[in-house]
Amino acid sequence: MRHSWGVILLLSVFSVASADARECNGSSRGANGQLVIAGDSEQRVFKVLGQPTRVVPRQNRYGAYAGEDWIYYVDGYNPKTVRVWVDGGTARSVCETLD
């Protein structure tokens, strides 16, 4: 019985992780319908998505600065969170998740 609960727990963890991966499609639409994708400049992200709700500094595994996460909380009919990793003036990744 204990073994079967462990398997169920392990499978549920993998299904949650894969669901999160599916929701990160690498792009996000701004209010004006324009698309932001990884590789866009910092200025373009700011122009399309506007001022971020939060800015969180990122660190690599050694504790050194590794860019920033620009986090946008979008309200409305389908509320969502958009997270843009900006490093060196470029959007490295764009992740959009429905809330």
N, C-alpha and C. Protein backbone atom coordinates (compact mmCIF):
# COMPACT_ATOMS: atom_id res chain seq x y z
N MET A 1 0.82 -1.19 0.00
CA MET A 1 0.00 0.00 0.00
C MET A 1 0.87 1.26 0.00
N ARG A 2 1.92 1.26 0.81
CA ARG A 2 2.80 2.42 0.89
C ARG A 2 3.48 2.66 -0.47
N HIS A 3 3.86 1.59 -1.16
CA HIS A 3 4.52 1.70 -2.45
C HIS A 3 3.59 2.34 -3.49
N SER A 4 2.33 1.96 -3.50
CA SER A 4 1.41 2.51 -4.50
C SER A 4 1.17 4.00 -4.27
N TRP A 5 1.13 4.45 -3.03
CA TRP A 5 0.98 5.88 -2.75
C TRP A 5 2.20 6.66 -3.24
N GLY A 6 3.38 6.07 -3.12
CA GLY A 6 4.59 6.72 -3.61
C GLY A 6 4.56 6.89 -5.12
N VAL A 7 4.08 5.87 -5.82
CA VAL A 7 3.98 5.94 -7.28
C VAL A 7 2.97 7.01 -7.69
N ILE A 8 1.84 7.05 -7.00
CA ILE A 8 0.81 8.04 -7.31
C ILE A 8 1.35 9.45 -7.08
N LEU A 9 2.05 9.65 -5.98
CA LEU A 9 2.63 10.96 -5.69
C LEU A 9 3.64 11.36 -6.76
N LEU A 10 4.50 10.43 -7.15
CA LEU A 10 5.51 10.71 -8.16
C LEU A 10 4.86 11.07 -9.49
N LEU A 11 3.84 10.34 -9.90
CA LEU A 11 3.15 10.64 -11.15
C LEU A 11 2.46 12.00 -11.11
N SER A 12 1.89 12.34 -9.96
CA SER A 12 1.22 13.64 -9.87
C SER A 12 2.22 14.78 -9.95
N VAL A 13 3.41 14.61 -9.39
CA VAL A 13 4.45 15.64 -9.48
C VAL A 13 4.87 15.83 -10.93
N PHE A 14 5.07 14.73 -11.67
CA PHE A 14 5.45 14.83 -13.07
C PHE A 14 4.35 15.46 -13.91
N SER A 15 3.10 15.16 -13.63
CA SER A 15 2.01 15.74 -14.41
C SER A 15 1.90 17.24 -14.17
N VAL A 16 2.13 17.70 -12.94
CA VAL A 16 2.10 19.13 -12.66
C VAL A 16 3.26 19.82 -13.37
N ALA A 17 4.44 19.23 -13.35
CA ALA A 17 5.60 19.82 -14.01
C ALA A 17 5.39 19.91 -15.51
N SER A 18 4.81 18.87 -16.12
CA SER A 18 4.58 18.91 -17.56
C SER A 18 3.49 19.91 -17.90
N ALA A 19 2.49 20.09 -17.04
CA ALA A 19 1.46 21.09 -17.28
C ALA A 19 2.06 22.49 -17.27
N ASP A 20 2.98 22.76 -16.33
CA ASP A 20 3.64 24.06 -16.29
C ASP A 20 4.46 24.29 -17.56
N ALA A 21 5.13 23.25 -18.04
CA ALA A 21 5.94 23.38 -19.24
C ALA A 21 5.06 23.67 -20.46
N ARG A 22 3.88 23.09 -20.53
CA ARG A 22 2.98 23.33 -21.66
C ARG A 22 2.47 24.77 -21.66
N GLU A 23 2.31 25.37 -20.50
CA GLU A 23 1.78 26.73 -20.42
C GLU A 23 2.83 27.77 -20.80
N CYS A 24 4.10 27.44 -20.77
CA CYS A 24 5.16 28.36 -21.18
C CYS A 24 5.37 28.21 -22.68
N ASN A 25 4.73 29.08 -23.45
CA ASN A 25 4.82 28.95 -24.90
C ASN A 25 5.86 29.86 -25.52
N GLY A 26 6.50 30.69 -24.72
CA GLY A 26 7.59 31.52 -25.24
C GLY A 26 7.15 32.82 -25.87
N SER A 27 5.87 33.20 -25.74
CA SER A 27 5.41 34.47 -26.29
C SER A 27 4.23 34.98 -25.48
N SER A 28 3.94 36.27 -25.66
CA SER A 28 2.80 36.87 -24.98
C SER A 28 2.32 38.06 -25.80
N ARG A 29 1.02 38.27 -25.83
CA ARG A 29 0.44 39.40 -26.54
C ARG A 29 0.21 40.57 -25.59
N GLY A 30 0.53 41.76 -26.04
CA GLY A 30 0.27 42.96 -25.27
C GLY A 30 -1.15 43.45 -25.49
N ALA A 31 -1.50 44.55 -24.85
CA ALA A 31 -2.85 45.11 -24.96
C ALA A 31 -3.16 45.56 -26.38
N ASN A 32 -2.13 45.92 -27.13
CA ASN A 32 -2.33 46.40 -28.50
C ASN A 32 -2.28 45.26 -29.52
N GLY A 33 -2.20 44.02 -29.08
CA GLY A 33 -2.21 42.87 -29.98
C GLY A 33 -0.84 42.47 -30.51
N GLN A 34 0.21 43.25 -30.21
CA GLN A 34 1.54 42.90 -30.67
C GLN A 34 2.10 41.76 -29.82
N LEU A 35 3.01 41.00 -30.40
CA LEU A 35 3.56 39.81 -29.76
C LEU A 35 4.96 40.09 -29.22
N VAL A 36 5.25 39.58 -28.03
CA VAL A 36 6.59 39.63 -27.44
C VAL A 36 7.13 38.21 -27.42
N ILE A 37 8.34 38.00 -27.95
CA ILE A 37 8.94 36.67 -27.96
C ILE A 37 10.36 36.76 -27.42
N ALA A 38 10.93 35.60 -27.08
CA ALA A 38 12.32 35.56 -26.63
C ALA A 38 13.20 36.07 -27.76
N GLY A 39 14.16 36.92 -27.41
CA GLY A 39 15.04 37.52 -28.40
C GLY A 39 14.71 38.97 -28.68
N ASP A 40 13.51 39.42 -28.28
CA ASP A 40 13.15 40.83 -28.45
C ASP A 40 13.99 41.70 -27.52
N SER A 41 14.15 42.96 -27.90
CA SER A 41 14.92 43.88 -27.07
C SER A 41 14.11 44.28 -25.84
N GLU A 42 14.84 44.75 -24.85
CA GLU A 42 14.22 45.24 -23.61
C GLU A 42 13.25 46.39 -23.91
N GLN A 43 13.62 47.26 -24.85
CA GLN A 43 12.76 48.38 -25.21
C GLN A 43 11.45 47.91 -25.84
N ARG A 44 11.52 46.87 -26.68
CA ARG A 44 10.30 46.35 -27.32
C ARG A 44 9.37 45.73 -26.27
N VAL A 45 9.93 44.98 -25.33
CA VAL A 45 9.11 44.38 -24.27
C VAL A 45 8.40 45.48 -23.50
N PHE A 46 9.13 46.53 -23.16
CA PHE A 46 8.55 47.65 -22.40
C PHE A 46 7.47 48.36 -23.23
N LYS A 47 7.71 48.50 -24.54
CA LYS A 47 6.75 49.18 -25.42
C LYS A 47 5.46 48.37 -25.54
N VAL A 48 5.57 47.05 -25.68
CA VAL A 48 4.38 46.20 -25.89
C VAL A 48 3.65 45.90 -24.59
N LEU A 49 4.39 45.51 -23.54
CA LEU A 49 3.75 45.09 -22.29
C LEU A 49 3.66 46.21 -21.25
N GLY A 50 4.44 47.26 -21.42
CA GLY A 50 4.39 48.38 -20.48
C GLY A 50 5.26 48.16 -19.26
N GLN A 51 4.99 48.96 -18.24
CA GLN A 51 5.74 48.88 -16.97
C GLN A 51 5.41 47.57 -16.26
N PRO A 52 6.42 46.79 -15.87
CA PRO A 52 6.13 45.54 -15.15
C PRO A 52 5.53 45.80 -13.77
N THR A 53 4.71 44.87 -13.31
CA THR A 53 4.13 44.96 -11.98
C THR A 53 5.20 44.78 -10.92
N ARG A 54 6.11 43.83 -11.17
CA ARG A 54 7.24 43.57 -10.25
C ARG A 54 8.49 43.32 -11.07
N VAL A 55 9.63 43.68 -10.51
CA VAL A 55 10.93 43.36 -11.10
C VAL A 55 11.72 42.61 -10.03
N VAL A 56 12.13 41.38 -10.37
CA VAL A 56 12.83 40.53 -9.41
C VAL A 56 14.20 40.18 -9.98
N PRO A 57 15.31 40.54 -9.29
CA PRO A 57 16.63 40.16 -9.79
C PRO A 57 16.83 38.65 -9.74
N ARG A 58 17.52 38.12 -10.76
CA ARG A 58 17.84 36.69 -10.81
C ARG A 58 19.30 36.48 -10.46
N GLN A 59 19.60 35.31 -9.91
CA GLN A 59 20.97 34.95 -9.59
C GLN A 59 21.28 33.60 -10.21
N ASN A 60 22.55 33.42 -10.61
CA ASN A 60 22.94 32.09 -11.06
C ASN A 60 23.28 31.24 -9.84
N ARG A 61 23.73 30.04 -10.05
CA ARG A 61 23.95 29.14 -8.91
C ARG A 61 25.09 29.59 -8.00
N TYR A 62 25.90 30.54 -8.47
CA TYR A 62 27.00 31.05 -7.64
C TYR A 62 26.63 32.34 -6.92
N GLY A 63 25.41 32.82 -7.13
CA GLY A 63 24.95 34.03 -6.47
C GLY A 63 25.21 35.31 -7.25
N ALA A 64 25.77 35.19 -8.44
CA ALA A 64 26.03 36.37 -9.26
C ALA A 64 24.76 36.81 -9.99
N TYR A 65 24.71 38.08 -10.33
CA TYR A 65 23.56 38.65 -11.04
C TYR A 65 23.39 37.97 -12.39
N ALA A 66 22.16 37.58 -12.71
CA ALA A 66 21.87 36.91 -13.98
C ALA A 66 20.63 37.49 -14.65
N GLY A 67 20.47 38.79 -14.57
CA GLY A 67 19.33 39.44 -15.21
C GLY A 67 18.18 39.67 -14.25
N GLU A 68 17.02 39.96 -14.82
CA GLU A 68 15.83 40.26 -14.02
C GLU A 68 14.63 39.53 -14.58
N ASP A 69 13.70 39.20 -13.70
CA ASP A 69 12.38 38.71 -14.12
C ASP A 69 11.44 39.90 -14.07
N TRP A 70 10.84 40.22 -15.22
CA TRP A 70 9.81 41.25 -15.26
C TRP A 70 8.49 40.51 -15.18
N ILE A 71 7.71 40.79 -14.15
CA ILE A 71 6.47 40.06 -13.91
C ILE A 71 5.29 41.00 -14.12
N TYR A 72 4.35 40.55 -14.95
CA TYR A 72 3.14 41.31 -15.25
C TYR A 72 1.94 40.51 -14.78
N TYR A 73 1.08 41.12 -13.98
CA TYR A 73 -0.19 40.50 -13.58
C TYR A 73 -1.28 41.17 -14.42
N VAL A 74 -1.92 40.39 -15.28
CA VAL A 74 -2.92 40.92 -16.21
C VAL A 74 -4.30 40.49 -15.74
N ASP A 75 -5.16 41.46 -15.42
CA ASP A 75 -6.53 41.18 -15.00
C ASP A 75 -7.43 41.14 -16.22
N GLY A 76 -8.67 40.73 -16.00
CA GLY A 76 -9.65 40.72 -17.08
C GLY A 76 -10.40 39.42 -17.12
N TYR A 77 -10.96 39.11 -18.28
CA TYR A 77 -11.76 37.90 -18.44
C TYR A 77 -10.94 36.64 -18.18
N ASN A 78 -9.73 36.59 -18.73
CA ASN A 78 -8.80 35.47 -18.49
C ASN A 78 -7.56 36.02 -17.81
N PRO A 79 -7.57 36.15 -16.47
CA PRO A 79 -6.39 36.70 -15.79
C PRO A 79 -5.17 35.80 -16.01
N LYS A 80 -4.02 36.42 -16.16
CA LYS A 80 -2.79 35.66 -16.41
C LYS A 80 -1.61 36.37 -15.78
N THR A 81 -0.52 35.62 -15.67
CA THR A 81 0.75 36.15 -15.22
C THR A 81 1.75 35.96 -16.34
N VAL A 82 2.45 37.02 -16.70
CA VAL A 82 3.48 36.96 -17.74
C VAL A 82 4.81 37.23 -17.06
N ARG A 83 5.76 36.33 -17.27
CA ARG A 83 7.10 36.47 -16.69
C ARG A 83 8.10 36.53 -17.85
N VAL A 84 8.84 37.64 -17.91
CA VAL A 84 9.84 37.84 -18.95
C VAL A 84 11.20 37.92 -18.28
N TRP A 85 12.11 37.02 -18.67
CA TRP A 85 13.48 37.06 -18.15
C TRP A 85 14.28 37.97 -19.07
N VAL A 86 14.76 39.09 -18.54
CA VAL A 86 15.53 40.07 -19.30
C VAL A 86 16.97 40.03 -18.80
N ASP A 87 17.90 39.85 -19.74
CA ASP A 87 19.32 39.81 -19.39
C ASP A 87 20.11 40.43 -20.54
N GLY A 88 20.96 41.37 -20.22
CA GLY A 88 21.80 42.00 -21.24
C GLY A 88 21.00 42.79 -22.27
N GLY A 89 19.85 43.34 -21.88
CA GLY A 89 19.05 44.13 -22.80
C GLY A 89 18.18 43.32 -23.74
N THR A 90 18.10 41.99 -23.51
CA THR A 90 17.34 41.10 -24.38
C THR A 90 16.42 40.22 -23.55
N ALA A 91 15.24 39.94 -24.08
CA ALA A 91 14.32 39.00 -23.44
C ALA A 91 14.83 37.59 -23.71
N ARG A 92 15.24 36.88 -22.67
CA ARG A 92 15.77 35.52 -22.83
C ARG A 92 14.66 34.48 -22.88
N SER A 93 13.59 34.70 -22.12
CA SER A 93 12.44 33.78 -22.17
C SER A 93 11.18 34.53 -21.78
N VAL A 94 10.06 34.04 -22.31
CA VAL A 94 8.75 34.62 -22.03
C VAL A 94 7.84 33.48 -21.63
N CYS A 95 7.22 33.60 -20.46
CA CYS A 95 6.35 32.54 -19.95
C CYS A 95 5.02 33.16 -19.55
N GLU A 96 3.94 32.63 -20.08
CA GLU A 96 2.59 33.13 -19.79
C GLU A 96 1.78 32.01 -19.16
N THR A 97 1.23 32.24 -17.97
CA THR A 97 0.41 31.22 -17.31
C THR A 97 -0.93 31.83 -16.93
N LEU A 98 -1.98 31.05 -17.11
CA LEU A 98 -3.32 31.50 -16.72
C LEU A 98 -3.48 31.34 -15.22
N ASP A 99 -4.09 32.33 -14.59
CA ASP A 99 -4.30 32.29 -13.14
C ASP A 99 -5.63 31.65 -12.80
